[in-house]
C-alpha atoms as a PDB file:
ATOM      1  CA  MET A   1      16.306 -11.866  18.633  1.00  0.00           C
ATOM      2  CA  THR A   2      14.333 -11.750  15.380  1.00  0.00           C
ATOM      3  CA  HIS A   3      10.594 -11.368  15.647  1.00  0.00           C
ATOM      4  CA  VAL A   4       8.256 -12.215  12.731  1.00  0.00           C
ATOM      5  CA  VAL A   5       4.833 -10.694  12.083  1.00  0.00           C
ATOM      6  CA  VAL A   6       2.639 -12.349   9.444  1.00  0.00           C
ATOM      7  CA  LEU A   7      -0.194 -10.241   8.032  1.00  0.00           C
ATOM      8  CA  SER A   8      -2.902 -10.913   5.506  1.00  0.00           C
ATOM      9  CA  PRO A   9      -2.965  -8.365   2.663  1.00  0.00           C
ATOM     10  CA  GLU A  10      -6.098  -6.881   4.253  1.00  0.00           C
ATOM     11  CA  GLU A  11      -4.330  -6.479   7.600  1.00  0.00           C
ATOM     12  CA  ALA A  12      -1.363  -4.850   5.874  1.00  0.00           C
ATOM     13  CA  ILE A  13      -3.621  -2.269   4.202  1.00  0.00           C
ATOM     14  CA  ALA A  14      -5.331  -1.663   7.554  1.00  0.00           C
ATOM     15  CA  LEU A  15      -1.972  -0.394   8.873  1.00  0.00           C
ATOM     16  CA  VAL A  16      -2.546   2.738   6.767  1.00  0.00           C
ATOM     17  CA  ARG A  17      -6.332   3.066   6.788  1.00  0.00           C
ATOM     18  CA  PRO A  18      -8.151   4.615   9.736  1.00  0.00           C
ATOM     19  CA  ARG A  19     -10.787   1.901   9.264  1.00  0.00           C
ATOM     20  CA  LYS A  20      -9.892  -1.756   9.583  1.00  0.00           C
ATOM     21  CA  SER A  21     -11.871  -2.862   6.528  1.00  0.00           C
ATOM     22  CA  LEU A  22     -10.784  -2.750   2.903  1.00  0.00           C
ATOM     23  CA  PRO A  23     -12.012   0.162   0.821  1.00  0.00           C
ATOM     24  CA  SER A  24     -15.380  -0.641  -0.749  1.00  0.00           C
ATOM     25  CA  PHE A  25     -13.961  -0.229  -4.251  1.00  0.00           C
ATOM     26  CA  VAL A  26     -11.392  -3.026  -3.822  1.00  0.00           C
ATOM     27  CA  SER A  27     -12.861  -6.133  -5.412  1.00  0.00           C
ATOM     28  CA  GLU A  28      -9.791  -8.395  -5.274  1.00  0.00           C
ATOM     29  CA  LEU A  29      -6.529  -8.380  -3.309  1.00  0.00           C
ATOM     30  CA  THR A  30      -3.788 -11.020  -3.412  1.00  0.00           C
ATOM     31  CA  CYS A  31      -0.087 -11.266  -2.718  1.00  0.00           C
ATOM     32  CA  ASP A  32       2.594 -13.815  -3.450  1.00  0.00           C
ATOM     33  CA  ASP A  33       6.067 -14.212  -4.914  1.00  0.00           C
ATOM     34  CA  GLY A  34       7.062 -10.626  -4.138  1.00  0.00           C
ATOM     35  CA  VAL A  35       3.971  -9.095  -5.770  1.00  0.00           C
ATOM     36  CA  ILE A  36       0.767  -7.668  -4.323  1.00  0.00           C
ATOM     37  CA  SER A  37      -2.145  -7.349  -6.785  1.00  0.00           C
ATOM     38  CA  VAL A  38      -5.371  -5.420  -6.524  1.00  0.00           C
ATOM     39  CA  THR A  39      -8.447  -4.950  -8.666  1.00  0.00           C
ATOM     40  CA  ALA A  40     -10.440  -1.814  -7.969  1.00  0.00           C
ATOM     41  CA  ASP A  41     -13.869  -0.865  -9.263  1.00  0.00           C
ATOM     42  CA  LEU A  42     -13.721   2.919  -9.121  1.00  0.00           C
ATOM     43  CA  ARG A  43     -17.464   3.168  -9.762  1.00  0.00           C
ATOM     44  CA  ARG A  44     -17.874   2.141  -6.117  1.00  0.00           C
ATOM     45  CA  LEU A  45     -16.106   5.266  -4.847  1.00  0.00           C
ATOM     46  CA  THR A  46     -18.436   7.364  -2.743  1.00  0.00           C
ATOM     47  CA  TYR A  47     -16.140  10.127  -1.524  1.00  0.00           C
ATOM     48  CA  ALA A  48     -13.339  11.019  -3.888  1.00  0.00           C
ATOM     49  CA  PRO A  49     -11.664  14.137  -5.231  1.00  0.00           C
ATOM     50  CA  LEU A  50     -13.095  15.448  -8.509  1.00  0.00           C
ATOM     51  CA  PRO A  51     -10.100  14.287 -10.637  1.00  0.00           C
ATOM     52  CA  VAL A  52     -10.578  10.734  -9.335  1.00  0.00           C
ATOM     53  CA  LYS A  53     -14.319  10.824 -10.081  1.00  0.00           C
ATOM     54  CA  ILE A  54     -13.606  11.982 -13.634  1.00  0.00           C
ATOM     55  CA  ALA A  55     -10.995   9.243 -14.062  1.00  0.00           C
ATOM     56  CA  ALA A  56     -13.480   6.658 -12.732  1.00  0.00           C
ATOM     57  CA  LYS A  57     -15.934   7.516 -15.495  1.00  0.00           C
ATOM     58  CA  ALA A  58     -13.278   6.985 -18.146  1.00  0.00           C
ATOM     59  CA  VAL A  59     -11.607   3.998 -16.499  1.00  0.00           C
ATOM     60  CA  PRO A  60     -14.053   2.221 -14.171  1.00  0.00           C
ATOM     61  CA  VAL A  61     -11.893  -0.812 -13.328  1.00  0.00           C
ATOM     62  CA  VAL A  62      -8.194  -0.708 -12.493  1.00  0.00           C
ATOM     63  CA  HIS A  63      -5.904  -3.715 -12.218  1.00  0.00           C
ATOM     64  CA  ALA A  64      -2.640  -2.949 -10.462  1.00  0.00           C
ATOM     65  CA  SER A  65       0.267  -4.849  -9.043  1.00  0.00           C
ATOM     66  CA  ALA A  66       3.164  -3.734  -6.926  1.00  0.00           C
ATOM     67  CA  LYS A  67       6.435  -5.654  -6.949  1.00  0.00           C
ATOM     68  CA  LEU A  68       8.833  -5.362  -4.066  1.00  0.00           C
ATOM     69  CA  THR A  69      12.014  -4.008  -5.668  1.00  0.00           C
ATOM     70  CA  SER A  70      14.096  -3.128  -2.642  1.00  0.00           C
ATOM     71  CA  PHE A  71      14.187  -3.114   1.114  1.00  0.00           C
ATOM     72  CA  TRP A  72      16.847  -1.139   2.966  1.00  0.00           C
ATOM     73  CA  GLN A  73      16.984   0.641   6.338  1.00  0.00           C
ATOM     74  CA  ASN A  74      13.319  -0.055   7.185  1.00  0.00           C
ATOM     75  CA  ILE A  75      12.097   1.247   3.797  1.00  0.00           C
ATOM     76  CA  ALA A  76      10.366  -0.978   1.244  1.00  0.00           C
ATOM     77  CA  VAL A  77      10.087   0.259  -2.333  1.00  0.00           C
ATOM     78  CA  LEU A  78       7.396  -1.179  -4.594  1.00  0.00           C
ATOM     79  CA  GLN A  79       7.282  -0.721  -8.367  1.00  0.00           C
ATOM     80  CA  VAL A  80       3.668  -0.256  -9.421  1.00  0.00           C
ATOM     81  CA  ASP A  81       2.296  -1.564 -12.704  1.00  0.00           C
ATOM     82  CA  ALA A  82      -1.282  -0.639 -13.581  1.00  0.00           C
ATOM     83  CA  ASP A  83      -3.719  -1.411 -16.356  1.00  0.00           C
ATOM     84  CA  ALA A  84      -6.229   1.379 -16.584  1.00  0.00           C
ATOM     85  CA  ALA A  85      -7.191   1.912 -20.216  1.00  0.00           C
ATOM     86  CA  GLY A  86      -3.555   2.483 -21.116  1.00  0.00           C
ATOM     87  CA  LEU A  87      -2.809   4.971 -18.335  1.00  0.00           C
ATOM     88  CA  PRO A  88       0.528   4.155 -16.680  1.00  0.00           C
ATOM     89  CA  ALA A  89       1.100   4.075 -12.949  1.00  0.00           C
ATOM     90  CA  THR A  90       3.022   7.341 -13.241  1.00  0.00           C
ATOM     91  CA  LYS A  91      -0.292   9.021 -14.157  1.00  0.00           C
ATOM     92  CA  LEU A  92      -2.458   7.077 -11.704  1.00  0.00           C
ATOM     93  CA  LEU A  93      -0.436   7.336  -8.484  1.00  0.00           C
ATOM     94  CA  PRO A  94      -0.613  11.158  -8.276  1.00  0.00           C
ATOM     95  CA  LEU A  95      -4.432  10.874  -8.319  1.00  0.00           C
ATOM     96  CA  ALA A  96      -4.330   8.744  -5.173  1.00  0.00           C
ATOM     97  CA  SER A  97      -1.491  10.464  -3.322  1.00  0.00           C
ATOM     98  CA  GLY A  98      -3.649  13.039  -1.533  1.00  0.00           C
ATOM     99  CA  THR A  99      -6.169  10.449  -0.391  1.00  0.00           C
ATOM    100  CA  VAL A 100      -3.443   8.099   0.860  1.00  0.00           C
ATOM    101  CA  ALA A 101      -1.709  10.961   2.704  1.00  0.00           C
ATOM    102  CA  LYS A 102      -4.990  11.894   4.430  1.00  0.00           C
ATOM    103  CA  MET A 103      -5.629   8.272   5.453  1.00  0.00           C
ATOM    104  CA  ALA A 104      -2.117   7.922   6.850  1.00  0.00           C
ATOM    105  CA  HIS A 105      -2.457  11.190   8.772  1.00  0.00           C
ATOM    106  CA  LYS A 106      -5.833  10.124  10.237  1.00  0.00           C
ATOM    107  CA  SER A 107      -4.197   6.865  11.302  1.00  0.00           C
ATOM    108  CA  GLY A 108      -1.535   8.798  13.208  1.00  0.00           C
ATOM    109  CA  LEU A 109       1.317   7.907  10.860  1.00  0.00           C
ATOM    110  CA  PRO A 110       4.138  10.309  10.033  1.00  0.00           C
ATOM    111  CA  ASP A 111       4.011  12.067   6.650  1.00  0.00           C
ATOM    112  CA  HIS A 112       6.803   9.934   5.196  1.00  0.00           C
ATOM    113  CA  ALA A 113       5.238   6.562   6.139  1.00  0.00           C
ATOM    114  CA  VAL A 114       3.669   6.030   2.701  1.00  0.00           C
ATOM    115  CA  GLN A 115       4.845   7.944  -0.337  1.00  0.00           C
ATOM    116  CA  LEU A 116       3.377   7.540  -3.803  1.00  0.00           C
ATOM    117  CA  ARG A 117       6.100   8.771  -6.115  1.00  0.00           C
ATOM    118  CA  LYS A 118       5.814  10.268  -9.594  1.00  0.00           C
ATOM    119  CA  ASP A 119       8.170   7.591 -10.967  1.00  0.00           C
ATOM    120  CA  GLY A 120       5.554   4.869 -10.425  1.00  0.00           C
ATOM    121  CA  THR A 121       6.956   3.594  -7.142  1.00  0.00           C
ATOM    122  CA  VAL A 122       5.591   3.505  -3.623  1.00  0.00           C
ATOM    123  CA  SER A 123       7.847   3.914  -0.614  1.00  0.00           C
ATOM    124  CA  LEU A 124       6.795   2.342   2.699  1.00  0.00           C
ATOM    125  CA  ASP A 125       8.465   3.135   5.998  1.00  0.00           C
ATOM    126  CA  VAL A 126       7.771  -0.301   7.439  1.00  0.00           C
ATOM    127  CA  LEU A 127       9.123   0.639  10.877  1.00  0.00           C
ATOM    128  CA  ALA A 128       6.611   3.510  11.125  1.00  0.00           C
ATOM    129  CA  LEU A 129       3.783   1.349   9.758  1.00  0.00           C
ATOM    130  CA  MET A 130       4.416  -1.332  12.391  1.00  0.00           C
ATOM    131  CA  ARG A 131       3.839   1.298  15.134  1.00  0.00           C
ATOM    132  CA  GLY A 132       6.394   0.370  17.730  1.00  0.00           C
ATOM    133  CA  THR A 133       6.396  -3.397  17.228  1.00  0.00           C
ATOM    134  CA  PHE A 134      10.059  -3.288  16.218  1.00  0.00           C
ATOM    135  CA  THR A 135      13.137  -1.203  16.951  1.00  0.00           C
ATOM    136  CA  GLU A 136      14.444  -2.180  13.516  1.00  0.00           C
ATOM    137  CA  VAL A 137      12.863  -3.967  10.573  1.00  0.00           C
ATOM    138  CA  THR A 138      15.249  -6.445   8.982  1.00  0.00           C
ATOM    139  CA  GLY A 139      13.015  -8.078   6.379  1.00  0.00           C
ATOM    140  CA  PHE A 140       9.857  -7.447   4.392  1.00  0.00           C
ATOM    141  CA  ARG A 141       8.347  -9.688   1.711  1.00  0.00           C
ATOM    142  CA  PHE A 142       5.186 -11.066   0.118  1.00  0.00           C
ATOM    143  CA  GLU A 143       5.078 -14.829   0.403  1.00  0.00           C
ATOM    144  CA  GLY A 144       2.407 -17.526   0.476  1.00  0.00           C
ATOM    145  CA  GLY A 145      -0.428 -15.014   0.286  1.00  0.00           C
ATOM    146  CA  LYS A 146       0.886 -13.121   3.301  1.00  0.00           C
ATOM    147  CA  VAL A 147       2.938 -10.036   4.102  1.00  0.00           C
ATOM    148  CA  ILE A 148       5.920 -11.073   6.227  1.00  0.00           C
ATOM    149  CA  VAL A 149       7.715  -8.516   8.391  1.00  0.00           C
ATOM    150  CA  GLU A 150      10.832  -9.462  10.346  1.00  0.00           C
ATOM    151  CA  GLY A 151      12.725  -7.357  12.814  1.00  0.00           C
ATOM    152  CA  VAL A 152      14.161  -6.733  16.217  1.00  0.00           C
ATOM    153  CA  ALA A 153      11.281  -6.759  18.693  1.00  0.00           C
ATOM    154  CA  ARG A 154      10.747  -3.772  20.951  1.00  0.00           C
ATOM    155  CA  GLU A 155      11.230  -4.868  24.530  1.00  0.00           C
ATOM    156  CA  ALA A 156       8.117  -4.721  26.676  1.00  0.00           C
END
């Protein structure tokens, strides 16, 4: 039997973060029609690696969107588009990869749960992110301002 979990964008991000709140530098977050969009004010970063702090001085505000391009065998792939003073996502994602990996590890997620790739895509192991809610994830989408996850429910 198919089970559906509906998450707000904030709740979806909380699946990766050790804290349940949005990062302080996120000023806007929306999702709809297969796209999740975020505006980040990097000047609000308090703890960040030196390369990120340097980038924040040059590019204080980043607008990014991630479009769901594929979903297969529990893995969602998002193509990231960013507007940061002309820097493409392929240059921006590597700056965040270490921080995201640390957050995922602190949250108890496996290393492969969230991967920021050099080609400007993000890979999400939705089954791992849902932490035992499903035995298989059969659908993943952004719709009506929500993140919708469908799958085969784990029996209690």
